[in-house]
Amino acid sequence: MNGPVPPKTLHSLTRPKGFSVASATCGLKPSGKPDLAIIAADAPCPAAGVFTQNKVKGEPVKVGMRHLRATGGLLRAVVVNSGCSNVATGEQGRRDAVAMCKQVADALGCATREVLPCSTGVIGRHLEMGKLLPGIDAAAAKLARGKRADGDTAMAILTTDLVPKAASRTVTLSGKRITLGGVCKGSGMIAPNMATMLAFITTDAAVAPDMLKAMLKEATGGSFNRVTVDTDTSTSDSVIILANGAAGNRKITKPGKSYDVLLEALTDLCRDLAYQLVCDGEGATKVFRVNVSGARSVRDADKVGRSVAESPLVKTAVHGADPNWGRLAMAVGKSGAAVKPESMSLSVGGVCVFKAGMPTALNAADQRRLAKAMSAYEVRFGIALGLGKHGCEWLGCDLSREYIRINADYTT
């Protein structure tokens, strides 16, 4: 594997019962590619969202958060456009986001507040509503199920992404087959402070809104919130899940076995999407995993993992296949976590390069293994702090010349 690849199947959002999707080309993108999608449940259903912690939030994010609060966690549909993020657009931006919701609501016969808007693209530009609203009508008129509709939807939400990203999972709850499907977009401006991109998940499980919200927060914490491409937290980050109960399982209203089973499946799906996202990072040619263990707390483990994954020196070493493990030691030390070099060990691709405050002696075979590990498409770093029992894993990608080219020319 030496670059981003499409998922094996794009049949995702409508694999669960009771959902339909559609896309349209409104003309928001200079490329003329599809730029609008609608994800709809057959009826209003429990929903939850996790949103960016960036203080400069897009107007669609703010409207979506209000709609979820107003309905107590019930949605009928999500509408998303690419090509313009509707961020830093003031009152006009808010009105435009609400107008998107109303256009969908009128087409589906539901309340405006039962629709959640999302936008992605260039910051600081107003939406072209004269193009967008007719596109919403066109998409709403052809809502459908199946691989083609799902694939078109996954394509319509992309910006600088090279490939669409989709995943699905199935589990059994109270004797009923439960399906989850998801798509996401994201390639640059990706670093945690909640979710790092746009992701949409559907499931036919029956779940109370408060339980769904708790599940989503935990699942994103262990997946999208441990992914970084370039340290920049987007203004539009949103992960949205809808759960319509069409599978007929006993409704999950409290923590327990069913809750844990569904949470595990949701987290696994989110991790799958997060990995696809890193593989498609802007300019990325390689990905890497940072496995942290032996930390005093999860918070410390996260600090170390993020510091290594975001380090430009680590990222460029990965790009150049340079086994300069001193950069790992540097990134661990600057993380702000509790660190004692004499207790710590570092490994690259399973080769221990540092232990008990000293570099380890490597024979010729070890050197060959180290070189091979750094030359692989997926590089693995192990950091054992030796101070406790907590750990985590972070995902990152290399920093290439292509990343600079993409972002130097993004709006021009």
Protein backbone atom coordinates (compact mmCIF):
# COMPACT_ATOMS: atom_id res chain seq x y z
CA MET A 1 0.00 0.00 0.00
CA ASN A 2 1.56 3.35 -0.99
CA GLY A 3 -1.18 5.93 -0.97
CA PRO A 4 -4.85 6.59 -0.27
CA VAL A 5 -7.22 3.99 -1.67
CA PRO A 6 -11.01 4.05 -1.83
CA PRO A 7 -12.88 1.85 0.65
CA LYS A 8 -13.85 -1.59 -0.62
CA THR A 9 -17.49 -0.58 -0.73
CA LEU A 10 -19.21 2.77 -0.63
CA HIS A 11 -22.54 1.20 0.34
CA SER A 12 -22.65 2.82 3.73
CA LEU A 13 -25.22 5.40 4.82
CA THR A 14 -28.23 3.52 3.45
CA ARG A 15 -27.11 0.07 4.54
CA PRO A 16 -29.03 0.61 7.79
CA LYS A 17 -32.80 0.43 7.30
CA GLY A 18 -34.87 3.59 6.95
CA PHE A 19 -32.38 6.05 5.44
CA SER A 20 -32.02 7.60 1.98
CA VAL A 21 -29.47 9.96 0.47
CA ALA A 22 -28.95 12.09 -2.61
CA SER A 23 -26.41 14.49 -4.09
CA ALA A 24 -26.41 17.35 -6.59
CA THR A 25 -24.10 19.70 -8.46
CA CYS A 26 -24.94 23.29 -7.60
CA GLY A 27 -21.90 25.02 -9.07
CA LEU A 28 -20.28 26.02 -5.79
CA LYS A 29 -17.00 24.32 -6.73
CA PRO A 30 -14.94 25.84 -9.57
CA SER A 31 -14.24 22.27 -10.69
CA GLY A 32 -17.90 21.67 -11.45
CA LYS A 33 -17.89 18.51 -9.32
CA PRO A 34 -20.84 17.50 -7.06
CA ASP A 35 -21.07 19.79 -4.05
CA LEU A 36 -24.28 19.07 -2.15
CA ALA A 37 -25.71 16.08 -0.29
CA ILE A 38 -28.78 15.27 1.79
CA ILE A 39 -28.96 12.42 4.31
CA ALA A 40 -32.52 11.73 5.41
CA ALA A 41 -34.28 9.41 7.83
CA ASP A 42 -37.77 8.19 6.98
CA ALA A 43 -39.02 10.01 10.10
CA PRO A 44 -37.53 12.24 12.82
CA CYS A 45 -35.21 10.12 14.98
CA PRO A 46 -32.68 10.40 17.82
CA ALA A 47 -29.51 12.16 16.76
CA ALA A 48 -26.33 13.50 18.29
CA GLY A 49 -23.42 15.66 17.25
CA VAL A 50 -19.89 16.43 18.34
CA PHE A 51 -18.59 19.78 17.13
CA THR A 52 -15.39 21.77 16.81
CA GLN A 53 -13.92 23.51 19.83
CA ASN A 54 -12.43 26.20 17.61
CA LYS A 55 -13.68 29.58 18.86
CA VAL A 56 -14.28 30.69 15.27
CA LYS A 57 -17.13 28.31 14.51
CA GLY A 58 -18.89 28.19 11.17
CA GLU A 59 -22.47 29.45 11.10
CA PRO A 60 -23.75 25.95 10.13
CA VAL A 61 -22.05 24.53 13.25
CA LYS A 62 -23.77 27.07 15.48
CA VAL A 63 -27.15 26.53 13.83
CA GLY A 64 -26.77 22.74 14.05
CA MET A 65 -25.94 22.90 17.75
CA ARG A 66 -29.02 25.04 18.36
CA HIS A 67 -31.26 22.69 16.39
CA LEU A 68 -30.12 19.67 18.38
CA ARG A 69 -30.76 21.49 21.64
CA ALA A 70 -34.16 22.74 20.50
CA THR A 71 -35.40 19.28 19.50
CA GLY A 72 -33.88 17.42 22.44
CA GLY A 73 -31.72 15.42 20.05
CA LEU A 74 -34.12 14.62 17.20
CA LEU A 75 -33.40 15.11 13.49
CA ARG A 76 -35.00 14.19 10.20
CA ALA A 77 -32.12 15.12 7.90
CA VAL A 78 -28.64 16.54 7.42
CA VAL A 79 -27.79 18.82 4.49
CA VAL A 80 -24.15 19.45 3.60
CA ASN A 81 -22.42 21.48 0.93
CA SER A 82 -18.78 21.58 -0.12
CA GLY A 83 -16.93 24.40 -1.83
CA CYS A 84 -17.74 27.07 0.78
CA SER A 85 -17.56 26.68 4.56
CA ASN A 86 -19.85 29.61 5.49
CA VAL A 87 -17.41 30.60 8.26
CA ALA A 88 -16.75 34.17 9.43
CA THR A 89 -19.84 35.31 7.54
CA GLY A 90 -21.88 36.89 10.35
CA GLU A 91 -25.63 37.25 10.41
CA GLN A 92 -25.93 36.65 6.68
CA GLY A 93 -24.15 33.34 7.13
CA ARG A 94 -26.56 32.34 9.89
CA ARG A 95 -29.58 33.17 7.72
CA ASP A 96 -28.11 31.17 4.86
CA ALA A 97 -27.56 28.12 7.07
CA VAL A 98 -31.14 28.31 8.32
CA ALA A 99 -32.38 28.75 4.75
CA MET A 100 -30.63 25.51 3.77
CA CYS A 101 -32.47 23.73 6.56
CA LYS A 102 -35.83 25.26 5.63
CA GLN A 103 -35.44 24.26 1.99
CA VAL A 104 -34.86 20.65 3.01
CA ALA A 105 -37.63 20.76 5.61
CA ASP A 106 -40.15 22.04 3.06
CA ALA A 107 -39.18 19.25 0.66
CA LEU A 108 -39.44 16.53 3.32
CA GLY A 109 -42.42 17.89 5.24
CA CYS A 110 -40.67 18.35 8.58
CA ALA A 111 -39.73 21.24 10.86
CA THR A 112 -36.76 23.44 9.97
CA ARG A 113 -35.14 22.68 13.32
CA GLU A 114 -35.24 18.95 12.48
CA VAL A 115 -32.60 19.56 9.79
CA LEU A 116 -28.91 20.06 10.59
CA PRO A 117 -26.67 22.02 8.17
CA CYS A 118 -22.98 21.46 7.46
CA SER A 119 -20.65 23.31 5.10
CA THR A 120 -17.02 22.79 4.14
CA GLY A 121 -14.59 24.66 1.92
CA VAL A 122 -13.06 28.13 1.81
CA ILE A 123 -13.46 30.34 4.90
CA GLY A 124 -14.74 33.90 4.69
CA ARG A 125 -17.04 33.64 1.69
CA HIS A 126 -20.82 33.73 1.56
CA LEU A 127 -22.78 30.83 0.13
CA GLU A 128 -24.23 31.36 -3.35
CA MET A 129 -27.81 30.72 -2.33
CA GLY A 130 -29.13 31.24 -5.84
CA LYS A 131 -27.25 28.09 -6.81
CA LEU A 132 -27.56 26.19 -3.55
CA LEU A 133 -31.33 26.26 -2.95
CA PRO A 134 -32.28 24.86 -6.38
CA GLY A 135 -29.63 22.18 -5.82
CA ILE A 136 -31.29 21.21 -2.55
CA ASP A 137 -34.62 20.81 -4.35
CA ALA A 138 -32.95 18.67 -7.04
CA ALA A 139 -31.32 16.42 -4.45
CA ALA A 140 -34.46 16.09 -2.32
CA ALA A 141 -36.41 14.97 -5.37
CA LYS A 142 -34.15 11.96 -5.94
CA LEU A 143 -33.49 10.61 -2.46
CA ALA A 144 -32.65 6.93 -2.80
CA ARG A 145 -30.99 3.92 -1.23
CA GLY A 146 -28.14 1.75 -2.48
CA LYS A 147 -24.48 1.78 -3.49
CA ARG A 148 -24.80 4.37 -6.22
CA ALA A 149 -26.59 6.91 -4.04
CA ASP A 150 -24.19 6.28 -1.16
CA GLY A 151 -21.15 6.61 -3.42
CA ASP A 152 -22.40 9.85 -4.97
CA THR A 153 -23.02 11.28 -1.49
CA ALA A 154 -19.53 10.35 -0.31
CA MET A 155 -18.10 12.16 -3.35
CA ALA A 156 -20.23 15.29 -3.00
CA ILE A 157 -18.85 16.23 0.43
CA LEU A 158 -15.16 16.21 -0.62
CA THR A 159 -12.88 19.24 -0.91
CA THR A 160 -9.14 18.58 -1.31
CA ASP A 161 -9.66 14.87 -0.60
CA LEU A 162 -8.34 12.48 -3.25
CA VAL A 163 -10.75 9.64 -2.47
CA PRO A 164 -14.14 9.19 -0.74
CA LYS A 165 -14.17 7.55 2.68
CA ALA A 166 -16.83 5.13 3.89
CA ALA A 167 -17.28 2.25 6.31
CA SER A 168 -19.97 0.03 7.79
CA ARG A 169 -20.39 -2.41 10.68
CA THR A 170 -23.00 -4.92 11.84
CA VAL A 171 -23.73 -6.29 15.33
CA THR A 172 -26.55 -8.18 17.02
CA LEU A 173 -28.58 -6.60 19.83
CA SER A 174 -31.45 -8.41 21.57
CA GLY A 175 -31.61 -10.85 18.68
CA LYS A 176 -31.82 -8.13 16.00
CA ARG A 177 -29.25 -7.37 13.32
CA ILE A 178 -28.01 -3.80 13.73
CA THR A 179 -26.17 -1.95 10.96
CA LEU A 180 -24.06 1.18 11.12
CA GLY A 181 -22.85 3.12 8.08
CA GLY A 182 -20.64 6.18 7.84
CA VAL A 183 -18.84 8.55 5.51
CA CYS A 184 -16.36 11.31 6.23
CA LYS A 185 -14.39 13.98 4.45
CA GLY A 186 -11.14 15.59 5.43
CA SER A 187 -7.64 15.98 4.11
CA GLY A 188 -6.19 19.20 5.51
CA MET A 189 -6.84 21.55 8.45
CA ILE A 190 -6.99 18.41 10.54
CA ALA A 191 -6.08 18.29 14.21
CA PRO A 192 -8.15 17.39 17.23
CA ASN A 193 -10.24 19.47 19.34
CA MET A 194 -13.13 17.29 18.68
CA ALA A 195 -13.42 15.62 15.37
CA THR A 196 -11.14 17.04 12.69
CA MET A 197 -13.50 16.99 9.70
CA LEU A 198 -17.08 16.21 8.68
CA ALA A 199 -18.44 12.73 9.36
CA PHE A 200 -21.97 11.39 9.06
CA ILE A 201 -23.12 8.11 10.58
CA THR A 202 -26.44 6.29 10.36
CA THR A 203 -27.69 3.29 12.31
CA ASP A 204 -30.99 1.45 12.56
CA ALA A 205 -30.41 0.76 16.27
CA ALA A 206 -32.96 2.00 18.79
CA VAL A 207 -31.10 4.33 21.18
CA ALA A 208 -32.29 7.11 23.46
CA PRO A 209 -30.88 10.54 22.52
CA ASP A 210 -28.87 10.92 25.73
CA MET A 211 -27.29 7.50 25.31
CA LEU A 212 -26.50 8.23 21.66
CA LYS A 213 -24.80 11.48 22.63
CA ALA A 214 -22.68 9.72 25.25
CA MET A 215 -21.69 6.99 22.78
CA LEU A 216 -20.69 9.46 20.09
CA LYS A 217 -18.57 11.52 22.46
CA GLU A 218 -16.69 8.43 23.65
CA ALA A 219 -16.28 7.00 20.14
CA THR A 220 -14.88 10.22 18.70
CA GLY A 221 -12.57 10.60 21.68
CA GLY A 222 -10.90 7.30 20.81
CA SER A 223 -10.76 7.85 17.05
CA PHE A 224 -11.12 11.23 15.32
CA ASN A 225 -9.69 13.03 18.33
CA ARG A 226 -6.44 11.07 17.99
CA VAL A 227 -5.76 11.97 14.38
CA THR A 228 -3.66 14.85 13.09
CA VAL A 229 -2.49 15.93 9.66
CA ASP A 230 -1.28 19.49 10.16
CA THR A 231 -2.10 20.67 13.73
CA ASP A 232 -4.89 23.00 12.54
CA THR A 233 -8.36 22.52 14.04
CA SER A 234 -11.04 23.26 11.46
CA THR A 235 -13.80 25.79 12.06
CA SER A 236 -16.39 23.38 10.66
CA ASP A 237 -15.64 20.06 12.40
CA SER A 238 -18.80 18.03 12.96
CA VAL A 239 -19.58 14.36 13.53
CA ILE A 240 -23.29 13.61 13.29
CA ILE A 241 -25.10 10.34 14.00
CA LEU A 242 -28.74 9.44 13.41
CA ALA A 243 -30.33 6.33 14.98
CA ASN A 244 -33.84 5.53 13.72
CA GLY A 245 -34.60 2.30 15.59
CA ALA A 246 -35.79 0.52 12.43
CA ALA A 247 -33.93 -2.69 13.36
CA GLY A 248 -36.39 -3.29 16.20
CA ASN A 249 -33.97 -3.99 19.03
CA ARG A 250 -34.90 -3.19 22.63
CA LYS A 251 -34.23 0.51 22.98
CA ILE A 252 -30.98 1.35 24.72
CA THR A 253 -31.91 3.71 27.54
CA LYS A 254 -29.05 3.10 29.96
CA PRO A 255 -25.50 1.74 30.08
CA GLY A 256 -25.19 -2.03 29.92
CA LYS A 257 -24.27 -4.88 27.61
CA SER A 258 -26.19 -3.58 24.58
CA TYR A 259 -24.74 -0.12 25.09
CA ASP A 260 -21.21 -1.54 25.22
CA VAL A 261 -21.69 -3.68 22.10
CA LEU A 262 -23.01 -0.77 20.05
CA LEU A 263 -20.33 1.57 21.40
CA GLU A 264 -17.61 -0.88 20.39
CA ALA A 265 -19.01 -1.11 16.85
CA LEU A 266 -19.37 2.67 16.59
CA THR A 267 -15.83 3.25 17.84
CA ASP A 268 -14.45 0.67 15.41
CA LEU A 269 -16.27 2.35 12.52
CA CYS A 270 -14.94 5.77 13.56
CA ARG A 271 -11.40 4.40 13.80
CA ASP A 272 -11.74 2.96 10.30
CA LEU A 273 -12.85 6.33 8.93
CA ALA A 274 -10.12 8.13 10.88
CA TYR A 275 -7.45 5.88 9.35
CA GLN A 276 -8.82 6.52 5.86
CA LEU A 277 -8.68 10.24 6.60
CA VAL A 278 -4.99 10.12 7.58
CA CYS A 279 -4.15 8.06 4.49
CA ASP A 280 -5.70 10.86 2.42
CA GLY A 281 -3.99 13.71 4.29
CA GLU A 282 -2.99 16.58 2.04
CA GLY A 283 0.25 15.65 0.32
CA ALA A 284 0.60 12.48 2.40
CA THR A 285 2.73 9.65 1.07
CA LYS A 286 2.98 7.66 4.32
CA VAL A 287 1.13 7.24 7.60
CA PHE A 288 2.39 6.47 11.08
CA ARG A 289 1.06 5.15 14.37
CA VAL A 290 2.25 6.37 17.76
CA ASN A 291 1.56 3.80 20.46
CA VAL A 292 2.00 5.23 23.95
CA SER A 293 2.03 3.01 27.04
CA GLY A 294 3.06 3.29 30.68
CA ALA A 295 1.75 6.81 31.21
CA ARG A 296 0.57 8.08 34.58
CA SER A 297 -2.80 9.06 33.10
CA VAL A 298 -4.74 8.95 29.83
CA ARG A 299 -4.25 12.71 29.66
CA ASP A 300 -0.48 12.27 29.78
CA ALA A 301 -0.61 9.51 27.17
CA ASP A 302 -2.62 11.83 24.90
CA LYS A 303 -0.14 14.66 25.39
CA VAL A 304 2.75 12.44 24.36
CA GLY A 305 0.93 10.88 21.40
CA ARG A 306 -0.19 14.23 20.07
CA SER A 307 3.22 15.85 20.53
CA VAL A 308 4.91 13.13 18.48
CA ALA A 309 2.18 12.96 15.82
CA GLU A 310 2.18 16.73 15.30
CA SER A 311 5.95 17.27 15.30
CA PRO A 312 7.11 18.64 11.92
CA LEU A 313 10.51 17.03 12.52
CA VAL A 314 8.96 13.61 13.13
CA LYS A 315 6.67 14.03 10.12
CA THR A 316 9.54 14.99 7.81
CA ALA A 317 11.66 12.11 9.13
CA VAL A 318 8.83 9.75 8.24
CA HIS A 319 8.63 11.30 4.78
CA GLY A 320 12.35 10.83 4.21
CA ALA A 321 12.52 7.39 5.87
CA ASP A 322 15.16 8.82 8.22
CA PRO A 323 15.56 6.70 11.41
CA ASN A 324 16.39 9.80 13.45
CA TRP A 325 14.76 8.62 16.68
CA GLY A 326 16.15 11.61 18.57
CA ARG A 327 13.19 13.52 17.16
CA LEU A 328 10.87 11.12 18.98
CA ALA A 329 12.70 11.73 22.24
CA MET A 330 12.47 15.49 21.68
CA ALA A 331 8.72 15.37 20.98
CA VAL A 332 8.07 13.23 24.05
CA GLY A 333 10.06 15.57 26.23
CA LYS A 334 8.26 18.74 25.08
CA SER A 335 4.78 17.24 25.47
CA GLY A 336 4.11 18.55 28.96
CA ALA A 337 3.41 15.05 30.27
CA ALA A 338 5.24 13.41 33.16
CA VAL A 339 8.36 11.94 31.55
CA LYS A 340 11.54 10.42 33.04
CA PRO A 341 14.14 9.49 30.42
CA GLU A 342 15.65 6.86 32.69
CA SER A 343 12.28 5.06 32.80
CA MET A 344 11.43 5.45 29.12
CA SER A 345 12.01 3.27 26.07
CA LEU A 346 11.46 4.06 22.38
CA SER A 347 11.03 1.67 19.48
CA VAL A 348 10.64 2.02 15.72
CA GLY A 349 8.96 -0.86 13.92
CA GLY A 350 9.59 -3.09 16.92
CA VAL A 351 13.29 -2.22 17.10
CA CYS A 352 14.20 -0.74 20.50
CA VAL A 353 16.39 2.31 19.89
CA PHE A 354 16.42 3.93 23.35
CA LYS A 355 16.10 2.49 26.86
CA ALA A 356 16.82 3.62 30.42
CA GLY A 357 18.16 6.97 29.31
CA MET A 358 20.59 5.52 26.75
CA PRO A 359 20.62 4.56 23.07
CA THR A 360 20.60 0.81 22.55
CA ALA A 361 23.33 -1.01 20.69
CA LEU A 362 22.06 -2.09 17.26
CA ASN A 363 23.78 -4.80 15.23
CA ALA A 364 23.69 -4.94 11.44
CA ALA A 365 20.45 -6.95 11.40
CA ASP A 366 18.80 -4.42 13.72
CA GLN A 367 19.92 -1.57 11.47
CA ARG A 368 18.39 -3.30 8.44
CA ARG A 369 15.11 -3.84 10.31
CA LEU A 370 15.11 -0.20 11.36
CA ALA A 371 15.69 1.02 7.81
CA LYS A 372 12.93 -1.27 6.51
CA ALA A 373 10.52 -0.06 9.20
CA MET A 374 11.11 3.60 8.30
CA SER A 375 10.74 2.88 4.58
CA ALA A 376 7.34 1.19 5.00
CA TYR A 377 4.09 2.91 4.02
CA GLU A 378 2.90 2.60 7.63
CA VAL A 379 5.55 3.44 10.22
CA ARG A 380 5.03 2.36 13.83
CA PHE A 381 6.50 4.15 16.83
CA GLY A 382 6.36 2.70 20.35
CA ILE A 383 6.81 4.90 23.42
CA ALA A 384 6.83 3.18 26.81
CA LEU A 385 7.02 5.80 29.55
CA GLY A 386 7.39 3.34 32.42
CA LEU A 387 5.49 5.52 34.89
CA GLY A 388 1.98 4.02 35.02
CA LYS A 389 -0.58 1.83 33.27
CA HIS A 390 -2.30 4.18 30.85
CA GLY A 391 -1.87 4.43 27.10
CA CYS A 392 -3.37 5.40 23.74
CA GLU A 393 -2.65 5.39 20.02
CA TRP A 394 -2.38 8.38 17.70
CA LEU A 395 -2.38 8.48 13.90
CA GLY A 396 -0.45 10.90 11.74
CA CYS A 397 0.94 11.29 8.23
CA ASP A 398 4.15 12.61 6.77
CA LEU A 399 4.77 16.22 5.75
CA SER A 400 5.67 16.51 2.10
CA ARG A 401 6.42 19.23 -0.43
CA GLU A 402 3.01 18.53 -1.93
CA TYR A 403 1.30 19.69 1.27
CA ILE A 404 2.93 23.09 0.81
CA ARG A 405 1.93 23.26 -2.86
CA ILE A 406 -1.71 22.38 -2.14
CA ASN A 407 -2.09 24.97 0.59
CA ALA A 408 -0.04 27.69 -1.10
CA ASP A 409 -2.40 27.54 -4.09
CA TYR A 410 -5.67 26.63 -2.31
CA THR A 411 -7.71 29.75 -3.16
CA THR A 412 -5.80 30.85 -6.25
